[in-house]
Amino acid sequence: MNLRLNNIYPLIVPADYYAKGVWDLPHYKLPNTSFILTWVVFSSGASMQYLKQDEYQQLMTNDNGWQQISFENLRKSIADHENFFAQYQLSDDKKRLVLIAFMNKDGIGSSRILLSSELQVAFPNGYYLAFPDRSCGLIIAKDISNSEQHKVKDLIKSMYKTATTPMSNQLHIPADLAVPDAWIQPIDVDFSKILINEILKVKADL
């Protein structure tokens, strides 16, 4: 596989993907021990492939800051005519943003729930995370009503049941999936602001 820094992306996977001596998947242990963070590579004309141990060691030896680059790749992995997030849901009175959904064409929408540098600004009152399928990540405003939260939980469980690659049927707090702050700091600050403004514009239009 042709390993290049601009081909590497972070990905949350269940912790049991790692099996020492069977599949020594390079990974970072997340606070929620049911999940780990690993990395995948998208090569031209090839399907997604998991980073191998020898490739990981090569990066650790030769490419300081490669993890931050992988998150920057994720930010910029937006297909033509695609937005940062695919869908959003408003409250019944159309006055509040309840959630946004990452369902991007690259198939790793769930990874985007880790982009806390942008999400903390866009959701200043806090937010919950959900990733019922590997292809889908949800950001849920923390200040929604109890009724709205109940509906969101039902939605997550329904999506989990029909998921192609099931991940979690629960709501999570950002601390459950925290990664080193240096990894998620944007390299292109102006582009990061564009992503934030996409969310803020939905709120401003309400």
N, C-alpha and C. Protein backbone atom coordinates (compact mmCIF):
# COMPACT_ATOMS: atom_id res chain seq x y z
N MET A 1 0.84 -1.19 0.00
CA MET A 1 0.00 0.00 0.00
C MET A 1 0.88 1.25 0.00
N ASN A 2 0.52 2.22 -0.79
CA ASN A 2 1.27 3.47 -0.88
C ASN A 2 0.85 4.38 0.27
N LEU A 3 1.69 4.46 1.31
CA LEU A 3 1.35 5.22 2.51
C LEU A 3 1.79 6.67 2.34
N ARG A 4 0.82 7.57 2.34
CA ARG A 4 1.10 8.99 2.28
C ARG A 4 0.32 9.68 3.39
N LEU A 5 0.87 10.75 3.92
CA LEU A 5 0.24 11.42 5.06
C LEU A 5 -1.16 11.92 4.72
N ASN A 6 -1.39 12.32 3.49
CA ASN A 6 -2.71 12.86 3.15
C ASN A 6 -3.74 11.78 2.88
N ASN A 7 -3.38 10.53 3.08
CA ASN A 7 -4.31 9.41 2.90
C ASN A 7 -4.80 8.81 4.22
N ILE A 8 -4.31 9.31 5.34
CA ILE A 8 -4.54 8.67 6.64
C ILE A 8 -5.66 9.39 7.39
N TYR A 9 -6.59 8.62 7.97
CA TYR A 9 -7.75 9.17 8.67
C TYR A 9 -7.97 8.44 9.99
N PRO A 10 -8.42 9.13 11.02
CA PRO A 10 -8.73 8.48 12.30
C PRO A 10 -10.07 7.76 12.23
N LEU A 11 -10.20 6.69 13.00
CA LEU A 11 -11.45 5.93 13.00
C LEU A 11 -11.66 5.29 14.37
N ILE A 12 -12.86 5.47 14.93
CA ILE A 12 -13.25 4.79 16.17
C ILE A 12 -13.71 3.38 15.81
N VAL A 13 -13.24 2.40 16.58
CA VAL A 13 -13.70 1.02 16.38
C VAL A 13 -13.92 0.37 17.74
N PRO A 14 -14.71 -0.69 17.80
CA PRO A 14 -14.87 -1.42 19.06
C PRO A 14 -13.52 -1.95 19.54
N ALA A 15 -13.33 -1.95 20.85
CA ALA A 15 -12.05 -2.35 21.43
C ALA A 15 -11.69 -3.80 21.11
N ASP A 16 -12.70 -4.64 20.87
CA ASP A 16 -12.39 -6.05 20.59
C ASP A 16 -11.86 -6.27 19.18
N TYR A 17 -11.76 -5.19 18.38
CA TYR A 17 -11.07 -5.32 17.09
C TYR A 17 -9.60 -5.67 17.32
N TYR A 18 -9.05 -5.15 18.42
CA TYR A 18 -7.65 -5.44 18.73
C TYR A 18 -7.56 -6.80 19.43
N ALA A 19 -6.76 -7.67 18.86
CA ALA A 19 -6.54 -8.99 19.46
C ALA A 19 -5.04 -9.26 19.41
N LYS A 20 -4.39 -9.11 20.53
CA LYS A 20 -2.93 -9.23 20.58
C LYS A 20 -2.49 -10.60 20.06
N GLY A 21 -1.54 -10.55 19.16
CA GLY A 21 -1.03 -11.78 18.58
C GLY A 21 -1.84 -12.30 17.42
N VAL A 22 -3.05 -11.74 17.26
CA VAL A 22 -3.92 -12.13 16.15
C VAL A 22 -4.04 -10.96 15.17
N TRP A 23 -4.49 -9.84 15.68
CA TRP A 23 -4.53 -8.62 14.89
C TRP A 23 -4.04 -7.48 15.78
N ASP A 24 -2.76 -7.18 15.68
CA ASP A 24 -2.14 -6.14 16.49
C ASP A 24 -2.43 -4.76 15.89
N LEU A 25 -3.68 -4.40 15.94
CA LEU A 25 -4.16 -3.16 15.33
C LEU A 25 -3.55 -1.96 16.07
N PRO A 26 -2.79 -1.10 15.38
CA PRO A 26 -2.27 0.11 16.03
C PRO A 26 -3.43 0.95 16.54
N HIS A 27 -3.35 1.42 17.77
CA HIS A 27 -4.50 2.12 18.32
C HIS A 27 -4.13 3.01 19.49
N TYR A 28 -5.08 3.88 19.83
CA TYR A 28 -5.01 4.72 21.02
C TYR A 28 -6.18 4.34 21.90
N LYS A 29 -5.93 4.12 23.19
CA LYS A 29 -6.98 3.73 24.11
C LYS A 29 -7.81 4.94 24.52
N LEU A 30 -9.10 4.87 24.25
CA LEU A 30 -10.02 5.95 24.60
C LEU A 30 -10.49 5.81 26.04
N PRO A 31 -10.95 6.91 26.67
CA PRO A 31 -11.46 6.82 28.05
C PRO A 31 -12.58 5.80 28.21
N ASN A 32 -13.49 5.74 27.24
CA ASN A 32 -14.50 4.68 27.23
C ASN A 32 -13.82 3.43 26.67
N THR A 33 -13.55 2.48 27.54
CA THR A 33 -12.72 1.33 27.16
C THR A 33 -13.41 0.35 26.22
N SER A 34 -14.66 0.62 25.88
CA SER A 34 -15.35 -0.23 24.90
C SER A 34 -14.90 0.08 23.47
N PHE A 35 -14.17 1.21 23.33
CA PHE A 35 -13.76 1.65 22.00
C PHE A 35 -12.30 2.06 22.00
N ILE A 36 -11.69 1.98 20.83
CA ILE A 36 -10.32 2.45 20.62
C ILE A 36 -10.30 3.33 19.37
N LEU A 37 -9.26 4.14 19.28
CA LEU A 37 -9.06 4.92 18.07
C LEU A 37 -7.95 4.29 17.25
N THR A 38 -8.22 4.03 16.01
CA THR A 38 -7.20 3.54 15.10
C THR A 38 -7.18 4.44 13.87
N TRP A 39 -6.46 4.02 12.85
CA TRP A 39 -6.35 4.84 11.65
C TRP A 39 -6.54 3.98 10.41
N VAL A 40 -7.09 4.58 9.37
CA VAL A 40 -7.30 3.87 8.11
C VAL A 40 -6.67 4.68 6.99
N VAL A 41 -6.45 3.99 5.89
CA VAL A 41 -5.82 4.61 4.72
C VAL A 41 -6.73 4.44 3.52
N PHE A 42 -6.98 5.53 2.82
CA PHE A 42 -7.71 5.49 1.56
C PHE A 42 -6.71 5.72 0.43
N SER A 43 -6.49 4.70 -0.37
CA SER A 43 -5.61 4.83 -1.53
C SER A 43 -6.43 4.96 -2.79
N SER A 44 -5.90 5.62 -3.78
CA SER A 44 -6.62 5.82 -5.04
C SER A 44 -7.00 4.48 -5.66
N GLY A 45 -8.31 4.34 -5.92
CA GLY A 45 -8.80 3.11 -6.55
C GLY A 45 -8.87 1.92 -5.62
N ALA A 46 -8.65 2.13 -4.33
CA ALA A 46 -8.67 1.02 -3.38
C ALA A 46 -9.66 1.31 -2.27
N SER A 47 -10.16 0.26 -1.65
CA SER A 47 -11.06 0.42 -0.53
C SER A 47 -10.28 0.83 0.72
N MET A 48 -11.01 1.18 1.76
CA MET A 48 -10.39 1.56 3.02
C MET A 48 -9.61 0.40 3.60
N GLN A 49 -8.39 0.67 4.06
CA GLN A 49 -7.56 -0.35 4.68
C GLN A 49 -7.06 0.16 6.02
N TYR A 50 -7.00 -0.72 7.00
CA TYR A 50 -6.51 -0.33 8.32
C TYR A 50 -5.00 -0.17 8.29
N LEU A 51 -4.53 0.82 9.04
CA LEU A 51 -3.09 1.04 9.17
C LEU A 51 -2.44 -0.18 9.81
N LYS A 52 -1.34 -0.62 9.24
CA LYS A 52 -0.64 -1.79 9.75
C LYS A 52 0.41 -1.39 10.77
N GLN A 53 0.81 -2.35 11.57
CA GLN A 53 1.75 -2.07 12.65
C GLN A 53 3.08 -1.52 12.13
N ASP A 54 3.59 -2.07 11.04
CA ASP A 54 4.87 -1.56 10.52
C ASP A 54 4.72 -0.14 9.98
N GLU A 55 3.56 0.16 9.38
CA GLU A 55 3.30 1.51 8.89
C GLU A 55 3.18 2.50 10.05
N TYR A 56 2.52 2.04 11.11
CA TYR A 56 2.39 2.86 12.32
C TYR A 56 3.76 3.19 12.89
N GLN A 57 4.62 2.19 12.99
CA GLN A 57 5.96 2.41 13.53
C GLN A 57 6.76 3.36 12.65
N GLN A 58 6.57 3.25 11.34
CA GLN A 58 7.22 4.16 10.40
C GLN A 58 6.79 5.60 10.64
N LEU A 59 5.49 5.81 10.83
CA LEU A 59 4.97 7.15 11.11
C LEU A 59 5.49 7.69 12.43
N MET A 60 5.49 6.85 13.45
CA MET A 60 5.95 7.29 14.77
C MET A 60 7.43 7.67 14.75
N THR A 61 8.19 7.03 13.89
CA THR A 61 9.63 7.29 13.81
C THR A 61 9.94 8.50 12.95
N ASN A 62 9.23 8.64 11.83
CA ASN A 62 9.63 9.61 10.81
C ASN A 62 8.74 10.83 10.67
N ASP A 63 7.53 10.79 11.21
CA ASP A 63 6.56 11.86 10.91
C ASP A 63 5.92 12.40 12.18
N ASN A 64 6.63 13.25 12.85
CA ASN A 64 6.11 13.87 14.06
C ASN A 64 4.86 14.70 13.72
N GLY A 65 3.81 14.52 14.48
CA GLY A 65 2.57 15.26 14.25
C GLY A 65 1.65 14.65 13.22
N TRP A 66 1.91 13.40 12.84
CA TRP A 66 1.07 12.76 11.82
C TRP A 66 -0.37 12.58 12.28
N GLN A 67 -0.58 12.41 13.59
CA GLN A 67 -1.95 12.25 14.09
C GLN A 67 -2.77 13.51 13.84
N GLN A 68 -2.17 14.68 14.05
CA GLN A 68 -2.87 15.93 13.77
C GLN A 68 -3.20 16.05 12.29
N ILE A 69 -2.28 15.62 11.45
CA ILE A 69 -2.52 15.66 10.01
C ILE A 69 -3.69 14.75 9.64
N SER A 70 -3.80 13.60 10.31
CA SER A 70 -4.90 12.68 10.01
C SER A 70 -6.25 13.32 10.31
N PHE A 71 -6.33 14.10 11.39
CA PHE A 71 -7.59 14.79 11.71
C PHE A 71 -7.85 15.94 10.73
N GLU A 72 -6.79 16.58 10.26
CA GLU A 72 -6.95 17.62 9.25
C GLU A 72 -7.46 17.02 7.95
N ASN A 73 -6.96 15.83 7.61
CA ASN A 73 -7.47 15.12 6.43
C ASN A 73 -8.97 14.88 6.56
N LEU A 74 -9.38 14.53 7.76
CA LEU A 74 -10.80 14.26 8.01
C LEU A 74 -11.64 15.52 7.79
N ARG A 75 -11.16 16.66 8.31
CA ARG A 75 -11.88 17.92 8.11
C ARG A 75 -12.09 18.21 6.63
N LYS A 76 -11.07 17.94 5.85
CA LYS A 76 -11.09 18.34 4.44
C LYS A 76 -11.60 17.24 3.51
N SER A 77 -12.02 16.12 4.09
CA SER A 77 -12.56 15.02 3.28
C SER A 77 -14.03 15.29 2.98
N ILE A 78 -14.25 16.28 2.16
CA ILE A 78 -15.60 16.69 1.80
C ILE A 78 -15.73 16.60 0.28
N ALA A 79 -16.64 15.78 -0.18
CA ALA A 79 -16.82 15.59 -1.62
C ALA A 79 -17.46 16.83 -2.25
N ASP A 80 -17.41 16.89 -3.57
CA ASP A 80 -18.05 18.00 -4.28
C ASP A 80 -19.53 18.10 -3.91
N HIS A 81 -19.99 19.30 -3.67
CA HIS A 81 -21.40 19.57 -3.33
C HIS A 81 -21.79 18.96 -1.98
N GLU A 82 -20.79 18.68 -1.13
CA GLU A 82 -21.07 18.10 0.19
C GLU A 82 -20.71 19.13 1.26
N ASN A 83 -21.52 19.20 2.30
CA ASN A 83 -21.25 20.09 3.42
C ASN A 83 -20.52 19.34 4.53
N PHE A 84 -20.11 20.09 5.55
CA PHE A 84 -19.44 19.49 6.71
C PHE A 84 -20.34 18.43 7.34
N PHE A 85 -21.63 18.74 7.49
CA PHE A 85 -22.59 17.77 8.01
C PHE A 85 -23.67 17.56 6.96
N ALA A 86 -24.27 16.39 6.99
CA ALA A 86 -25.20 16.00 5.93
C ALA A 86 -26.63 16.44 6.20
N GLN A 87 -27.05 16.36 7.46
CA GLN A 87 -28.43 16.67 7.82
C GLN A 87 -28.46 17.35 9.18
N TYR A 88 -29.60 17.96 9.47
CA TYR A 88 -29.80 18.50 10.81
C TYR A 88 -31.27 18.39 11.17
N GLN A 89 -31.55 18.47 12.47
CA GLN A 89 -32.92 18.37 12.96
C GLN A 89 -33.21 19.53 13.90
N LEU A 90 -34.36 20.15 13.69
CA LEU A 90 -34.78 21.26 14.53
C LEU A 90 -35.81 20.80 15.55
N SER A 91 -36.00 21.61 16.57
CA SER A 91 -37.06 21.35 17.54
C SER A 91 -38.42 21.48 16.86
N ASP A 92 -39.45 20.97 17.51
CA ASP A 92 -40.79 21.00 16.91
C ASP A 92 -41.26 22.42 16.60
N ASP A 93 -40.83 23.39 17.41
CA ASP A 93 -41.24 24.78 17.16
C ASP A 93 -40.30 25.49 16.18
N LYS A 94 -39.31 24.76 15.64
CA LYS A 94 -38.38 25.28 14.63
C LYS A 94 -37.52 26.44 15.15
N LYS A 95 -37.34 26.49 16.46
CA LYS A 95 -36.60 27.61 17.04
C LYS A 95 -35.22 27.21 17.56
N ARG A 96 -34.93 25.91 17.62
CA ARG A 96 -33.66 25.43 18.18
C ARG A 96 -33.10 24.29 17.34
N LEU A 97 -31.78 24.23 17.31
CA LEU A 97 -31.10 23.12 16.64
C LEU A 97 -30.97 21.96 17.62
N VAL A 98 -31.54 20.82 17.28
CA VAL A 98 -31.48 19.65 18.14
C VAL A 98 -30.23 18.84 17.86
N LEU A 99 -29.95 18.57 16.58
CA LEU A 99 -28.78 17.75 16.26
C LEU A 99 -28.31 18.02 14.84
N ILE A 100 -27.05 17.63 14.60
CA ILE A 100 -26.53 17.56 13.24
C ILE A 100 -26.04 16.13 13.03
N ALA A 101 -26.03 15.70 11.77
CA ALA A 101 -25.64 14.33 11.44
C ALA A 101 -24.53 14.34 10.40
N PHE A 102 -23.48 13.60 10.69
CA PHE A 102 -22.39 13.39 9.74
C PHE A 102 -22.63 12.07 9.02
N MET A 103 -22.95 12.15 7.76
CA MET A 103 -23.16 10.94 6.94
C MET A 103 -22.45 11.18 5.61
N ASN A 104 -21.15 11.33 5.68
CA ASN A 104 -20.35 11.77 4.55
C ASN A 104 -20.03 10.62 3.60
N LYS A 105 -19.71 10.99 2.37
CA LYS A 105 -19.50 10.00 1.33
C LYS A 105 -18.28 9.11 1.58
N ASP A 106 -17.35 9.57 2.40
CA ASP A 106 -16.17 8.74 2.67
C ASP A 106 -16.48 7.55 3.57
N GLY A 107 -17.70 7.52 4.14
CA GLY A 107 -18.11 6.36 4.93
C GLY A 107 -17.63 6.33 6.36
N ILE A 108 -16.96 7.40 6.82
CA ILE A 108 -16.48 7.43 8.20
C ILE A 108 -17.02 8.67 8.92
N GLY A 109 -18.31 8.90 8.74
CA GLY A 109 -18.95 10.02 9.41
C GLY A 109 -18.81 9.97 10.92
N SER A 110 -18.71 8.76 11.47
CA SER A 110 -18.58 8.62 12.92
C SER A 110 -17.31 9.28 13.45
N SER A 111 -16.26 9.32 12.64
CA SER A 111 -15.00 9.93 13.10
C SER A 111 -15.15 11.42 13.39
N ARG A 112 -16.08 12.07 12.72
CA ARG A 112 -16.21 13.52 12.84
C ARG A 112 -16.73 13.97 14.20
N ILE A 113 -17.27 13.05 14.97
CA ILE A 113 -17.71 13.44 16.31
C ILE A 113 -16.52 13.77 17.21
N LEU A 114 -15.31 13.47 16.77
CA LEU A 114 -14.11 13.76 17.55
C LEU A 114 -13.58 15.17 17.31
N LEU A 115 -14.14 15.90 16.36
CA LEU A 115 -13.62 17.22 16.00
C LEU A 115 -14.10 18.28 17.00
N SER A 116 -13.66 18.14 18.22
CA SER A 116 -14.17 18.99 19.30
C SER A 116 -13.74 20.45 19.18
N SER A 117 -12.65 20.73 18.47
CA SER A 117 -12.24 22.13 18.30
C SER A 117 -13.34 22.94 17.63
N GLU A 118 -14.00 22.35 16.66
CA GLU A 118 -15.11 23.02 15.98
C GLU A 118 -16.41 22.88 16.76
N LEU A 119 -16.66 21.71 17.29
CA LEU A 119 -17.96 21.43 17.91
C LEU A 119 -18.17 22.20 19.20
N GLN A 120 -17.10 22.43 19.96
CA GLN A 120 -17.23 23.19 21.19
C GLN A 120 -17.64 24.64 20.93
N VAL A 121 -17.19 25.17 19.82
CA VAL A 121 -17.55 26.55 19.45
C VAL A 121 -18.99 26.59 18.94
N ALA A 122 -19.34 25.61 18.11
CA ALA A 122 -20.67 25.59 17.51
C ALA A 122 -21.77 25.24 18.52
N PHE A 123 -21.40 24.51 19.58
CA PHE A 123 -22.37 24.12 20.61
C PHE A 123 -21.83 24.59 21.97
N PRO A 124 -21.87 25.90 22.23
CA PRO A 124 -21.28 26.44 23.46
C PRO A 124 -21.94 25.96 24.74
N ASN A 125 -23.18 25.49 24.66
CA ASN A 125 -23.86 24.98 25.86
C ASN A 125 -23.61 23.49 26.08
N GLY A 126 -22.75 22.92 25.26
CA GLY A 126 -22.41 21.50 25.42
C GLY A 126 -23.18 20.62 24.45
N TYR A 127 -22.71 19.39 24.31
CA TYR A 127 -23.34 18.46 23.37
C TYR A 127 -23.06 17.02 23.78
N TYR A 128 -23.89 16.14 23.25
CA TYR A 128 -23.70 14.71 23.37
C TYR A 128 -23.24 14.16 22.02
N LEU A 129 -22.67 12.96 22.06
CA LEU A 129 -22.22 12.29 20.85
C LEU A 129 -22.98 10.99 20.66
N ALA A 130 -23.12 10.59 19.42
CA ALA A 130 -23.67 9.27 19.12
C ALA A 130 -23.06 8.79 17.81
N PHE A 131 -22.84 7.49 17.73
CA PHE A 131 -22.31 6.90 16.50
C PHE A 131 -22.88 5.49 16.33
N PRO A 132 -24.16 5.44 15.94
CA PRO A 132 -24.83 4.14 15.81
C PRO A 132 -24.25 3.27 14.71
N ASP A 133 -23.67 3.89 13.70
CA ASP A 133 -23.09 3.17 12.56
C ASP A 133 -21.75 3.84 12.26
N ARG A 134 -20.81 3.06 11.71
CA ARG A 134 -19.51 3.65 11.37
C ARG A 134 -19.67 4.80 10.38
N SER A 135 -20.67 4.74 9.54
CA SER A 135 -20.87 5.76 8.52
C SER A 135 -21.60 6.99 9.02
N CYS A 136 -22.05 6.97 10.27
CA CYS A 136 -22.89 8.06 10.78
C CYS A 136 -22.48 8.49 12.18
N GLY A 137 -22.27 9.79 12.33
CA GLY A 137 -22.04 10.38 13.64
C GLY A 137 -23.06 11.46 13.90
N LEU A 138 -23.50 11.57 15.15
CA LEU A 138 -24.50 12.58 15.52
C LEU A 138 -23.95 13.46 16.63
N ILE A 139 -24.23 14.74 16.53
CA ILE A 139 -23.94 15.70 17.59
C ILE A 139 -25.27 16.25 18.06
N ILE A 140 -25.57 16.04 19.34
CA ILE A 140 -26.86 16.41 19.90
C ILE A 140 -26.67 17.54 20.91
N ALA A 141 -27.39 18.63 20.74
CA ALA A 141 -27.29 19.75 21.67
C ALA A 141 -27.65 19.30 23.08
N LYS A 142 -26.86 19.72 24.05
CA LYS A 142 -27.07 19.29 25.43
C LYS A 142 -28.29 19.96 26.06
N ASP A 143 -28.69 21.12 25.53
CA ASP A 143 -29.78 21.87 26.15
C ASP A 143 -31.15 21.57 25.52
N ILE A 144 -31.29 20.41 24.91
CA ILE A 144 -32.61 20.04 24.38
C ILE A 144 -33.51 19.59 25.53
N SER A 145 -34.80 19.50 25.27
CA SER A 145 -35.76 19.12 26.30
C SER A 145 -35.67 17.62 26.58
N ASN A 146 -36.26 17.21 27.70
CA ASN A 146 -36.29 15.78 28.03
C ASN A 146 -37.04 14.98 26.97
N SER A 147 -38.11 15.55 26.45
CA SER A 147 -38.88 14.88 25.40
C SER A 147 -38.05 14.71 24.14
N GLU A 148 -37.31 15.76 23.78
CA GLU A 148 -36.46 15.69 22.58
C GLU A 148 -35.34 14.68 22.78
N GLN A 149 -34.78 14.64 23.97
CA GLN A 149 -33.71 13.67 24.24
C GLN A 149 -34.24 12.24 24.14
N HIS A 150 -35.45 12.03 24.61
CA HIS A 150 -36.06 10.69 24.53
C HIS A 150 -36.21 10.28 23.06
N LYS A 151 -36.66 11.20 22.22
CA LYS A 151 -36.84 10.91 20.79
C LYS A 151 -35.49 10.63 20.12
N VAL A 152 -34.47 11.38 20.52
CA VAL A 152 -33.14 11.18 19.95
C VAL A 152 -32.61 9.80 20.33
N LYS A 153 -32.82 9.41 21.57
CA LYS A 153 -32.36 8.08 22.01
C LYS A 153 -33.06 6.98 21.22
N ASP A 154 -34.33 7.15 20.96
CA ASP A 154 -35.06 6.16 20.16
C ASP A 154 -34.51 6.12 18.73
N LEU A 155 -34.18 7.28 18.19
CA LEU A 155 -33.61 7.35 16.85
C LEU A 155 -32.27 6.62 16.79
N ILE A 156 -31.44 6.83 17.79
CA ILE A 156 -30.12 6.18 17.82
C ILE A 156 -30.27 4.66 17.89
N LYS A 157 -31.18 4.19 18.73
CA LYS A 157 -31.38 2.75 18.85
C LYS A 157 -31.92 2.15 17.55
N SER A 158 -32.78 2.89 16.87
CA SER A 158 -33.32 2.42 15.60
C SER A 158 -32.23 2.36 14.54
N MET A 159 -31.38 3.37 14.48
CA MET A 159 -30.28 3.39 13.52
C MET A 159 -29.28 2.27 13.81
N TYR A 160 -29.05 2.02 15.07
CA TYR A 160 -28.12 0.95 15.46
C TYR A 160 -28.62 -0.42 14.99
N LYS A 161 -29.91 -0.64 15.12
CA LYS A 161 -30.49 -1.93 14.73
C LYS A 161 -30.35 -2.20 13.23
N THR A 162 -30.36 -1.15 12.44
CA THR A 162 -30.30 -1.31 10.98
C THR A 162 -28.93 -0.96 10.41
N ALA A 163 -27.94 -0.77 11.28
CA ALA A 163 -26.61 -0.33 10.84
C ALA A 163 -25.89 -1.39 10.02
N THR A 164 -25.14 -0.93 9.05
CA THR A 164 -24.28 -1.83 8.28
C THR A 164 -23.08 -2.27 9.12
N THR A 165 -22.50 -1.32 9.84
CA THR A 165 -21.41 -1.60 10.78
C THR A 165 -21.80 -1.02 12.12
N PRO A 166 -22.53 -1.76 12.96
CA PRO A 166 -23.02 -1.23 14.24
C PRO A 166 -21.88 -0.80 15.16
N MET A 167 -22.08 0.32 15.84
CA MET A 167 -21.06 0.84 16.75
C MET A 167 -21.56 0.97 18.19
N SER A 168 -22.55 1.84 18.41
CA SER A 168 -23.07 2.05 19.76
C SER A 168 -24.51 2.54 19.68
N ASN A 169 -25.36 2.06 20.60
CA ASN A 169 -26.75 2.50 20.63
C ASN A 169 -27.00 3.48 21.78
N GLN A 170 -25.92 4.10 22.29
CA GLN A 170 -26.02 4.97 23.45
C GLN A 170 -25.65 6.41 23.11
N LEU A 171 -26.08 7.34 23.97
CA LEU A 171 -25.56 8.70 23.96
C LEU A 171 -24.25 8.69 24.74
N HIS A 172 -23.28 9.48 24.29
CA HIS A 172 -22.00 9.59 24.98
C HIS A 172 -21.69 11.06 25.24
N ILE A 173 -20.86 11.31 26.23
CA ILE A 173 -20.35 12.66 26.45
C ILE A 173 -18.99 12.76 25.78
N PRO A 174 -18.56 13.96 25.37
CA PRO A 174 -17.28 14.10 24.67
C PRO A 174 -16.10 13.50 25.43
N ALA A 175 -16.13 13.56 26.77
CA ALA A 175 -15.01 13.03 27.55
C ALA A 175 -14.84 11.52 27.37
N ASP A 176 -15.91 10.83 26.98
CA ASP A 176 -15.83 9.38 26.75
C ASP A 176 -14.86 9.04 25.62
N LEU A 177 -14.72 9.97 24.67
CA LEU A 177 -13.95 9.69 23.46
C LEU A 177 -12.86 10.74 23.24
N ALA A 178 -12.35 11.29 24.32
CA ALA A 178 -11.35 12.35 24.23
C ALA A 178 -10.02 11.81 23.71
N VAL A 179 -9.39 12.58 22.84
CA VAL A 179 -8.06 12.27 22.33
C VAL A 179 -7.15 13.44 22.68
N PRO A 180 -5.83 13.28 22.58
CA PRO A 180 -4.92 14.39 22.90
C PRO A 180 -5.28 15.66 22.15
N ASP A 181 -5.28 16.76 22.88
CA ASP A 181 -5.71 18.04 22.32
C ASP A 181 -4.89 18.44 21.09
N ALA A 182 -3.60 18.13 21.12
CA ALA A 182 -2.73 18.51 20.00
C ALA A 182 -3.16 17.84 18.70
N TRP A 183 -3.78 16.67 18.78
CA TRP A 183 -4.19 15.95 17.58
C TRP A 183 -5.34 16.65 16.86
N ILE A 184 -6.22 17.28 17.61
CA ILE A 184 -7.45 17.81 17.02
C ILE A 184 -7.40 19.32 16.77
N GLN A 185 -6.26 19.94 17.04
CA GLN A 185 -6.14 21.36 16.74
C GLN A 185 -6.05 21.55 15.22
N PRO A 186 -6.88 22.42 14.64
CA PRO A 186 -6.85 22.61 13.19
C PRO A 186 -5.53 23.18 12.71
N ILE A 187 -5.08 22.71 11.58
CA ILE A 187 -3.89 23.26 10.94
C ILE A 187 -4.27 24.47 10.09
N ASP A 188 -5.32 24.32 9.31
CA ASP A 188 -5.86 25.41 8.51
C ASP A 188 -6.99 26.05 9.32
N VAL A 189 -6.66 27.09 10.06
CA VAL A 189 -7.61 27.72 10.98
C VAL A 189 -8.77 28.35 10.21
N ASP A 190 -8.50 28.92 9.07
CA ASP A 190 -9.57 29.55 8.28
C ASP A 190 -10.58 28.52 7.80
N PHE A 191 -10.10 27.36 7.41
CA PHE A 191 -11.02 26.30 6.97
C PHE A 191 -11.85 25.81 8.15
N SER A 192 -11.23 25.70 9.31
CA SER A 192 -11.95 25.30 10.52
C SER A 192 -13.10 26.26 10.81
N LYS A 193 -12.85 27.55 10.61
CA LYS A 193 -13.90 28.56 10.84
C LYS A 193 -15.06 28.39 9.87
N ILE A 194 -14.75 27.98 8.65
CA ILE A 194 -15.81 27.73 7.66
C ILE A 194 -16.72 26.60 8.14
N LEU A 195 -16.13 25.54 8.69
CA LEU A 195 -16.93 24.42 9.20
C LEU A 195 -17.81 24.86 10.36
N ILE A 196 -17.24 25.63 11.27
CA ILE A 196 -18.01 26.14 12.40
C ILE A 196 -19.17 26.99 11.92
N ASN A 197 -18.90 27.85 10.95
CA ASN A 197 -19.92 28.77 10.47
C ASN A 197 -21.07 28.05 9.77
N GLU A 198 -20.80 26.87 9.20
CA GLU A 198 -21.89 26.10 8.60
C GLU A 198 -22.94 25.75 9.65
N ILE A 199 -22.48 25.41 10.85
CA ILE A 199 -23.40 25.06 11.93
C ILE A 199 -24.06 26.32 12.48
N LEU A 200 -23.25 27.35 12.69
CA LEU A 200 -23.79 28.59 13.26
C LEU A 200 -24.82 29.24 12.34
N LYS A 201 -24.66 29.05 11.03
CA LYS A 201 -25.61 29.64 10.09
C LYS A 201 -27.00 29.01 10.25
N VAL A 202 -27.04 27.70 10.50
CA VAL A 202 -28.33 27.05 10.75
C VAL A 202 -29.00 27.68 11.95
N LYS A 203 -28.22 27.92 13.00
CA LYS A 203 -28.79 28.55 14.21
C LYS A 203 -29.24 29.98 13.94
N ALA A 204 -28.44 30.70 13.17
CA ALA A 204 -28.75 32.10 12.90
C ALA A 204 -30.02 32.25 12.05
N ASP A 205 -30.30 31.26 11.23
CA ASP A 205 -31.47 31.32 10.36
C ASP A 205 -32.77 30.94 11.07
N LEU A 206 -32.69 30.50 12.31
CA LEU A 206 -33.90 30.09 13.03
C LEU A 206 -34.71 31.31 13.49
